[in-house]
Amino acid sequence: MKGVLDVYLGRRLAGRLTPDEHGLTTFAYDAEWLAAPDAVPLSHSMPLHSGVFGRNECRAFFAGVLPESGKRSLVARNLGVSANNDYALLERIGGDCAGAVTFIESGKPLPPEKGEYRLVRDAELEKLLLGLPGRPLMAGEAGVRLSLAGVQDKLAVRIIDGKVYLPLDGSPSSHILKPAIKEYPGVVQNEAFCMKLAQAVGLNVARVEVGRVGVVDYLCVERYDRSVGPAGLRREHQEDFCQALNVSPDNKYQAEGGPSLKDCFGLLREASSSPVRDLQAMLDAVIFNCLIGNDDAHGKNFSLLYGRDATGGRTVSLAPLYDLISTAQYENLSKAMAMKLGGESDSQKLSQVHFAKFAEDVGLTKPIVRTRVAELASATAKAIDGVSKELPEAKEIALAVSERTRMFLARVMR
């Protein structure tokens, strides 16, 4: 049906997205989906019911799978559509998205479950990565329909036995490649170090490795929202906190009306299948971001991951952490934290008083927070040397994080 997009969750039709004459979208769940005993909502903010979700009720989720800011505008320009038209963008690039959602013109079939892929050799991969600033997500390339949120250049690929393949016709990708950015020297090593440091101290993070092709360094991120099934790659449902809280990606920062830490902890209490575990993991994430100087930890940098337990029951958990980077190393990036901690937005000014206020705000006990701050800061300081040896090119960021951690301990724990 022209003018309607079928919205699939995995390989099952969940509902339909319909635009009005102004390109504004509404969504309704499919009747058969609603009748299914194992039906689940697309979003925590869009519970199952037979009515129609208006633009204000559904835009946060659907716009949340699209690229943001300047990247969104470039994609739209390359496709010849309006940057403000979520529907037109999803129609053109909504084949392989974050999580398990896929957008197909109504009535058309899904791509084959096994997927279709094209081998990309090193020379072509280098060219593709170098071309991303002018052609984000390869938008407009024949056969390519992929969308990833965020403002950084990314390329979604399938990696099999060390070889890189380009997914075609909305086939699922297994990894995301994030090339170096000229304006931010060492950003690949920065993120690789921070991610591996988080893993070294016991945080649940996406797996990353540093790669190089030709003159291009890149970070290779294994997708946690993909798993291997009998027929090939299987998409796993997820959504970021802005989507779950019905917050537009345009307003992802707390200062612009985006989620606060109180909102994030409240979401986990309400949605998580294991809130005690996930609240602890979220606390660790907050502390670790302060330690490394990741001031850009906004609501879209945390996600819920949906799954099934051994009995087939639905599970909801805090997804592995991603986009951990020390933004404090770059003078031209804001030093204001995306979400205030205890009323303070400058991570360099945080003290014991702010963590005590933070504990009150998010409903944790002050002794638990204070103890965990000391434990995680100490563990991070001890793990830096080991991770630095694994990533010798990250020596500069390792020294900076080591000094920051030392000063943090002295200031917050005195």
Protein backbone atom coordinates (compact mmCIF):
# COMPACT_ATOMS: atom_id res chain seq x y z
CA MET A 1 0.00 0.00 0.00
CA LYS A 2 1.64 3.21 -1.15
CA GLY A 3 1.91 5.86 1.52
CA VAL A 4 1.99 3.36 4.40
CA LEU A 5 4.99 1.66 5.98
CA ASP A 6 4.70 -1.78 7.51
CA VAL A 7 6.65 -1.87 10.76
CA TYR A 8 8.17 -5.25 11.51
CA LEU A 9 9.60 -6.42 14.80
CA GLY A 10 11.97 -9.17 13.81
CA ARG A 11 10.14 -10.92 10.99
CA ARG A 12 6.61 -10.28 12.23
CA LEU A 13 4.34 -7.40 11.30
CA ALA A 14 3.78 -5.27 14.40
CA GLY A 15 1.91 -2.30 12.95
CA ARG A 16 1.76 0.45 10.36
CA LEU A 17 3.15 3.94 10.11
CA THR A 18 0.98 6.39 8.16
CA PRO A 19 1.79 9.98 7.15
CA ASP A 20 -0.69 12.81 6.76
CA GLU A 21 -0.51 15.39 4.00
CA HIS A 22 2.18 17.28 5.94
CA GLY A 23 4.41 14.23 6.42
CA LEU A 24 3.50 13.91 10.09
CA THR A 25 3.14 10.30 11.14
CA THR A 26 0.71 8.22 13.17
CA PHE A 27 1.09 4.59 14.19
CA ALA A 28 -1.29 1.75 14.94
CA TYR A 29 -0.53 -1.82 16.01
CA ASP A 30 -1.70 -4.58 13.68
CA ALA A 31 -4.80 -6.46 14.92
CA GLU A 32 -3.15 -9.86 14.52
CA TRP A 33 -0.13 -8.64 16.46
CA LEU A 34 -2.34 -7.42 19.30
CA ALA A 35 -4.12 -10.78 19.39
CA ALA A 36 -0.90 -12.80 19.57
CA PRO A 37 -0.15 -14.16 23.08
CA ASP A 38 3.53 -13.20 22.80
CA ALA A 39 2.95 -9.68 21.43
CA VAL A 40 5.16 -6.96 22.90
CA PRO A 41 5.06 -3.19 22.48
CA LEU A 42 7.54 -1.47 20.18
CA SER A 43 8.37 0.91 22.99
CA HIS A 44 7.89 1.32 26.71
CA SER A 45 6.25 4.64 25.76
CA MET A 46 3.82 2.95 23.31
CA PRO A 47 1.91 0.24 25.22
CA LEU A 48 -0.17 -2.29 23.33
CA HIS A 49 -3.66 -1.04 22.48
CA SER A 50 -5.94 -0.85 19.46
CA GLY A 51 -6.02 2.93 19.14
CA VAL A 52 -3.90 5.24 17.02
CA PHE A 53 -0.74 6.85 18.37
CA GLY A 54 -0.52 10.45 17.26
CA ARG A 55 2.68 12.22 16.30
CA ASN A 56 3.40 13.40 19.84
CA GLU A 57 3.01 9.85 21.12
CA CYS A 58 5.10 8.03 18.54
CA ARG A 59 7.64 10.44 17.05
CA ALA A 60 10.24 9.92 19.78
CA PHE A 61 10.48 6.24 18.97
CA PHE A 62 10.46 6.45 15.19
CA ALA A 63 12.64 9.57 14.87
CA GLY A 64 14.92 7.93 17.42
CA VAL A 65 16.17 5.35 14.92
CA LEU A 66 17.25 8.03 12.43
CA PRO A 67 20.55 9.95 12.32
CA GLU A 68 20.61 13.32 14.03
CA SER A 69 21.46 16.96 13.41
CA GLY A 70 23.80 17.65 10.49
CA LYS A 71 24.04 13.96 9.54
CA ARG A 72 20.28 13.80 9.17
CA SER A 73 20.31 16.87 6.92
CA LEU A 74 23.06 15.41 4.73
CA VAL A 75 21.23 12.09 4.42
CA ALA A 76 18.04 13.91 3.44
CA ARG A 77 19.90 16.01 0.86
CA ASN A 78 21.51 12.90 -0.65
CA LEU A 79 18.10 11.23 -0.88
CA GLY A 80 16.26 14.28 -2.16
CA VAL A 81 13.76 14.46 0.70
CA SER A 82 13.02 16.93 3.49
CA ALA A 83 15.18 16.62 6.61
CA ASN A 84 12.02 17.17 8.70
CA ASN A 85 10.15 14.26 7.11
CA ASP A 86 10.65 11.25 9.38
CA TYR A 87 8.39 9.11 7.21
CA ALA A 88 10.29 9.76 3.98
CA LEU A 89 13.61 9.01 5.67
CA LEU A 90 12.37 5.78 7.22
CA GLU A 91 10.93 4.74 3.86
CA ARG A 92 14.32 5.18 2.19
CA ILE A 93 16.81 4.02 4.86
CA GLY A 94 14.76 2.09 7.43
CA GLY A 95 15.86 -1.39 6.37
CA ASP A 96 18.52 -2.12 9.01
CA CYS A 97 18.07 -0.08 12.18
CA ALA A 98 19.00 -0.26 15.84
CA GLY A 99 17.14 -3.08 17.51
CA ALA A 100 14.67 -5.32 15.71
CA VAL A 101 12.52 -2.81 13.80
CA THR A 102 12.39 -2.79 10.00
CA PHE A 103 10.32 -0.50 7.76
CA ILE A 104 8.93 -1.83 4.47
CA GLU A 105 6.48 -0.27 2.01
CA SER A 106 3.14 -1.82 2.94
CA GLY A 107 2.40 -5.04 1.11
CA LYS A 108 5.97 -5.66 -0.01
CA PRO A 109 7.78 -8.73 1.35
CA LEU A 110 10.62 -8.72 3.85
CA PRO A 111 14.07 -9.52 2.46
CA PRO A 112 15.04 -13.20 2.67
CA GLU A 113 15.84 -14.28 6.23
CA LYS A 114 19.34 -15.38 5.27
CA GLY A 115 20.12 -11.87 3.99
CA GLU A 116 22.08 -10.60 1.02
CA TYR A 117 25.64 -9.29 1.33
CA ARG A 118 28.40 -7.99 -0.92
CA LEU A 119 32.08 -8.49 -0.14
CA VAL A 120 33.96 -5.22 0.40
CA ARG A 121 37.70 -5.39 -0.18
CA ASP A 122 40.16 -3.12 1.62
CA ALA A 123 40.54 -0.49 -1.09
CA GLU A 124 36.77 -0.06 -1.35
CA LEU A 125 36.29 -0.07 2.42
CA GLU A 126 38.86 2.71 2.79
CA LYS A 127 37.03 4.72 0.13
CA LEU A 128 33.66 4.15 1.79
CA LEU A 129 34.93 5.24 5.21
CA LEU A 130 36.64 8.33 3.78
CA GLY A 131 33.41 9.23 1.98
CA LEU A 132 31.11 9.03 5.01
CA PRO A 133 31.38 12.74 5.97
CA GLY A 134 29.77 13.67 2.66
CA ARG A 135 27.54 10.63 2.39
CA PRO A 136 26.47 9.48 5.86
CA LEU A 137 25.30 5.86 6.12
CA MET A 138 25.95 5.53 2.36
CA ALA A 139 22.49 7.02 1.86
CA GLY A 140 21.41 6.75 -1.76
CA GLU A 141 23.76 3.86 -2.61
CA ALA A 142 21.90 1.25 -4.63
CA GLY A 143 20.64 -1.57 -2.43
CA VAL A 144 21.70 0.04 0.88
CA ARG A 145 18.96 0.75 3.44
CA LEU A 146 20.43 1.32 6.89
CA SER A 147 19.84 3.83 9.64
CA LEU A 148 21.76 4.49 12.84
CA ALA A 149 21.07 7.21 15.39
CA GLY A 150 23.70 9.71 16.48
CA VAL A 151 25.81 12.46 14.96
CA GLN A 152 29.06 10.53 14.33
CA ASP A 153 29.95 8.91 11.01
CA LYS A 154 29.24 5.16 11.06
CA LEU A 155 29.05 2.27 8.65
CA ALA A 156 27.07 -0.88 9.44
CA VAL A 157 28.63 -4.05 8.04
CA ARG A 158 28.58 -7.83 8.34
CA ILE A 159 31.87 -9.44 9.31
CA ILE A 160 32.36 -13.11 8.51
CA ASP A 161 35.69 -14.85 9.11
CA GLY A 162 37.44 -11.50 9.26
CA LYS A 163 36.05 -10.31 5.92
CA VAL A 164 33.81 -7.26 5.62
CA TYR A 165 30.49 -7.43 3.78
CA LEU A 166 28.00 -4.70 2.98
CA PRO A 167 24.38 -5.61 3.88
CA LEU A 168 21.99 -5.15 0.97
CA ASP A 169 18.22 -4.59 0.85
CA GLY A 170 17.91 -4.16 4.62
CA SER A 171 19.79 -7.34 5.57
CA PRO A 172 21.03 -7.26 9.18
CA SER A 173 24.53 -6.04 10.00
CA SER A 174 26.73 -7.51 12.72
CA HIS A 175 29.20 -4.69 13.40
CA ILE A 176 29.45 -0.91 13.25
CA LEU A 177 32.60 0.81 11.99
CA LYS A 178 33.34 4.29 13.36
CA PRO A 179 36.20 5.98 11.46
CA ALA A 180 38.62 8.53 12.87
CA ILE A 181 37.49 12.16 12.96
CA LYS A 182 40.03 14.79 11.87
CA GLU A 183 38.62 17.39 14.28
CA TYR A 184 39.10 15.06 17.26
CA PRO A 185 42.61 13.55 17.17
CA GLY A 186 42.92 10.09 18.66
CA VAL A 187 39.15 9.62 19.02
CA VAL A 188 39.31 5.97 17.91
CA GLN A 189 41.96 5.12 20.50
CA ASN A 190 40.10 7.23 23.07
CA GLU A 191 36.87 5.28 22.71
CA ALA A 192 38.62 1.92 22.44
CA PHE A 193 40.54 2.62 25.66
CA CYS A 194 37.47 3.79 27.59
CA MET A 195 35.38 0.82 26.44
CA LYS A 196 38.08 -1.73 27.28
CA LEU A 197 38.76 -0.01 30.61
CA ALA A 198 35.07 -0.29 31.47
CA GLN A 199 35.15 -3.98 30.59
CA ALA A 200 38.29 -4.47 32.70
CA VAL A 201 36.52 -3.16 35.83
CA GLY A 202 33.50 -5.40 35.27
CA LEU A 203 31.04 -3.17 33.41
CA ASN A 204 28.86 -4.77 30.72
CA VAL A 205 29.92 -3.13 27.46
CA ALA A 206 29.75 -3.75 23.72
CA ARG A 207 32.88 -5.45 22.38
CA VAL A 208 35.25 -3.23 20.41
CA GLU A 209 38.50 -3.52 18.49
CA VAL A 210 40.67 -0.98 16.68
CA GLY A 211 41.08 -1.54 12.95
CA ARG A 212 42.93 0.14 10.12
CA VAL A 213 42.41 0.07 6.38
CA GLY A 214 44.67 2.14 4.15
CA VAL A 215 45.06 5.51 5.88
CA VAL A 216 41.89 5.17 7.97
CA ASP A 217 41.78 4.12 11.63
CA TYR A 218 38.39 2.94 12.80
CA LEU A 219 36.67 1.43 15.81
CA CYS A 220 34.90 -1.84 15.11
CA VAL A 221 31.93 -2.32 17.47
CA GLU A 222 30.19 -5.68 17.72
CA ARG A 223 26.42 -5.15 17.81
CA TYR A 224 24.80 -6.42 21.00
CA ASP A 225 21.39 -6.16 19.30
CA ARG A 226 22.24 -9.02 16.95
CA SER A 227 22.45 -12.75 17.67
CA VAL A 228 23.08 -15.80 15.53
CA GLY A 229 20.10 -18.02 14.76
CA PRO A 230 19.61 -21.12 12.56
CA ALA A 231 18.90 -18.97 9.50
CA GLY A 232 21.63 -16.41 10.11
CA LEU A 233 21.74 -13.11 11.99
CA ARG A 234 18.72 -12.32 14.13
CA ARG A 235 17.73 -8.84 15.25
CA GLU A 236 17.16 -8.27 18.99
CA HIS A 237 14.71 -5.61 20.11
CA GLN A 238 16.06 -2.58 21.93
CA GLU A 239 15.37 1.12 22.39
CA ASP A 240 17.29 3.97 23.93
CA PHE A 241 16.10 5.80 27.04
CA CYS A 242 14.82 8.80 25.05
CA GLN A 243 12.60 6.50 22.99
CA ALA A 244 11.39 4.67 26.11
CA LEU A 245 10.60 7.96 27.87
CA ASN A 246 8.94 9.54 24.79
CA VAL A 247 11.60 12.24 24.48
CA SER A 248 12.41 13.54 21.00
CA PRO A 249 16.04 13.03 19.90
CA ASP A 250 16.13 16.79 19.31
CA ASN A 251 15.90 17.22 23.09
CA LYS A 252 18.23 14.48 24.33
CA TYR A 253 20.16 16.74 26.72
CA GLN A 254 18.69 17.44 30.15
CA ALA A 255 19.16 21.20 29.68
CA GLU A 256 16.88 20.96 26.63
CA GLY A 257 14.18 18.94 28.35
CA GLY A 258 15.84 15.55 27.96
CA PRO A 259 16.09 12.79 30.58
CA SER A 260 17.70 13.42 33.94
CA LEU A 261 19.48 10.78 36.00
CA LYS A 262 16.35 10.60 38.14
CA ASP A 263 14.32 9.81 35.02
CA CYS A 264 16.80 7.11 33.95
CA PHE A 265 16.81 5.34 37.31
CA GLY A 266 13.02 5.65 37.45
CA LEU A 267 12.72 4.02 34.03
CA LEU A 268 14.81 1.05 35.15
CA ARG A 269 12.72 0.61 38.30
CA GLU A 270 9.58 0.59 36.20
CA ALA A 271 10.71 -1.44 33.18
CA SER A 272 13.55 -3.77 34.18
CA SER A 273 12.97 -7.46 34.86
CA SER A 274 15.86 -7.31 37.36
CA PRO A 275 15.80 -3.75 38.72
CA VAL A 276 18.30 -4.36 41.53
CA ARG A 277 20.91 -5.62 39.05
CA ASP A 278 20.23 -2.89 36.51
CA LEU A 279 20.17 -0.04 39.04
CA GLN A 280 23.62 -1.19 40.21
CA ALA A 281 24.84 -1.31 36.62
CA MET A 282 23.45 2.17 35.94
CA LEU A 283 25.14 3.50 39.08
CA ASP A 284 28.44 2.04 37.87
CA ALA A 285 27.93 3.66 34.46
CA VAL A 286 27.34 7.08 36.02
CA ILE A 287 30.44 6.82 38.22
CA PHE A 288 32.62 5.52 35.40
CA ASN A 289 31.56 8.35 33.06
CA CYS A 290 32.61 10.82 35.73
CA LEU A 291 35.97 9.08 36.12
CA ILE A 292 36.86 9.14 32.41
CA GLY A 293 35.34 12.56 31.73
CA ASN A 294 32.50 11.48 29.46
CA ASP A 295 30.36 14.60 29.65
CA ASP A 296 28.18 13.54 26.69
CA ALA A 297 26.36 10.67 28.45
CA HIS A 298 22.82 11.71 27.45
CA GLY A 299 19.59 9.70 27.31
CA LYS A 300 20.29 8.22 23.89
CA ASN A 301 23.53 6.69 25.16
CA PHE A 302 21.66 4.24 27.40
CA SER A 303 19.27 1.58 26.14
CA LEU A 304 16.84 -1.12 27.19
CA LEU A 305 17.37 -4.56 25.67
CA TYR A 306 14.35 -6.83 25.30
CA GLY A 307 14.55 -10.61 25.22
CA ARG A 308 13.05 -13.91 26.37
CA ASP A 309 13.98 -16.12 29.30
CA ALA A 310 14.22 -19.92 29.24
CA THR A 311 10.45 -20.25 29.70
CA GLY A 312 9.66 -17.81 26.89
CA GLY A 313 8.78 -14.96 29.22
CA ARG A 314 9.71 -11.41 28.26
CA THR A 315 12.82 -9.89 29.82
CA VAL A 316 13.90 -6.24 29.96
CA SER A 317 17.42 -5.24 30.95
CA LEU A 318 19.88 -2.39 30.73
CA ALA A 319 21.73 -2.91 27.46
CA PRO A 320 25.53 -3.16 27.34
CA LEU A 321 27.16 0.26 27.51
CA TYR A 322 28.35 1.97 24.33
CA ASP A 323 29.80 5.31 23.20
CA LEU A 324 32.08 5.57 26.25
CA ILE A 325 34.62 8.27 25.44
CA SER A 326 36.55 10.90 27.35
CA THR A 327 35.04 14.03 25.81
CA ALA A 328 36.97 16.07 28.40
CA GLN A 329 40.08 15.65 26.22
CA TYR A 330 38.70 17.95 23.52
CA GLU A 331 38.64 21.67 24.16
CA ASN A 332 35.94 22.36 21.58
CA LEU A 333 33.41 20.03 23.24
CA SER A 334 31.10 21.19 26.01
CA LYS A 335 32.30 20.64 29.57
CA ALA A 336 28.74 20.59 30.87
CA MET A 337 27.51 17.09 31.67
CA ALA A 338 24.56 15.94 29.58
CA MET A 339 22.77 15.01 32.82
CA LYS A 340 23.46 16.86 36.06
CA LEU A 341 24.71 14.90 39.04
CA GLY A 342 23.43 16.12 42.39
CA GLY A 343 22.61 19.47 40.79
CA GLU A 344 26.14 19.94 39.39
CA SER A 345 26.85 20.02 35.66
CA ASP A 346 30.68 20.34 35.82
CA SER A 347 32.25 16.93 36.41
CA GLN A 348 35.46 18.63 37.60
CA LYS A 349 33.57 20.16 40.53
CA LEU A 350 31.88 17.01 41.80
CA SER A 351 32.28 16.33 45.48
CA GLN A 352 30.97 14.01 48.16
CA VAL A 353 28.09 16.46 48.66
CA HIS A 354 26.95 16.07 45.04
CA PHE A 355 27.01 12.27 45.21
CA ALA A 356 24.97 12.39 48.41
CA LYS A 357 22.39 14.59 46.68
CA PHE A 358 22.49 12.29 43.64
CA ALA A 359 21.71 9.31 45.89
CA GLU A 360 18.62 11.11 47.19
CA ASP A 361 17.53 12.11 43.69
CA VAL A 362 17.65 8.59 42.24
CA GLY A 363 16.42 6.71 45.34
CA LEU A 364 19.66 5.02 46.43
CA THR A 365 21.16 5.04 49.91
CA LYS A 366 24.08 7.38 50.50
CA PRO A 367 26.35 4.67 51.99
CA ILE A 368 25.84 2.41 48.96
CA VAL A 369 26.71 5.22 46.55
CA ARG A 370 29.71 6.39 48.57
CA THR A 371 31.07 2.85 48.88
CA ARG A 372 30.63 2.13 45.18
CA VAL A 373 32.30 5.41 44.16
CA ALA A 374 35.37 4.43 46.20
CA GLU A 375 35.40 0.84 44.91
CA LEU A 376 35.00 1.69 41.24
CA ALA A 377 37.44 4.60 41.30
CA SER A 378 40.06 2.38 42.94
CA ALA A 379 39.43 -0.48 40.50
CA THR A 380 39.64 1.90 37.54
CA ALA A 381 42.95 3.36 38.71
CA LYS A 382 44.42 -0.15 39.04
CA ALA A 383 43.16 -1.33 35.64
CA ILE A 384 44.54 1.56 33.56
CA ASP A 385 48.07 0.16 33.13
CA GLY A 386 46.85 -3.21 31.89
CA VAL A 387 44.51 -1.70 29.31
CA SER A 388 47.20 0.76 28.25
CA LYS A 389 49.55 -2.13 27.47
CA GLU A 390 46.86 -3.72 25.33
CA LEU A 391 46.42 -0.43 23.45
CA PRO A 392 49.87 1.21 23.28
CA GLU A 393 48.60 3.88 20.88
CA ALA A 394 46.21 5.06 23.61
CA LYS A 395 49.02 6.07 25.97
CA GLU A 396 48.04 9.74 25.97
CA ILE A 397 44.41 9.10 26.89
CA ALA A 398 45.50 6.53 29.47
CA LEU A 399 47.68 9.13 31.22
CA ALA A 400 44.87 11.69 31.12
CA VAL A 401 42.30 9.28 32.59
CA SER A 402 44.80 8.14 35.23
CA GLU A 403 45.36 11.72 36.38
CA ARG A 404 41.66 12.46 36.28
CA THR A 405 40.89 9.39 38.39
CA ARG A 406 43.54 10.35 40.93
CA MET A 407 42.12 13.85 41.28
CA PHE A 408 38.57 12.48 41.45
CA LEU A 409 39.48 10.20 44.35
CA ALA A 410 41.18 13.02 46.21
CA ARG A 411 38.27 15.42 45.72
CA VAL A 412 35.24 13.15 46.14
CA MET A 413 36.50 10.82 48.87
CA ARG A 414 38.14 13.31 51.20
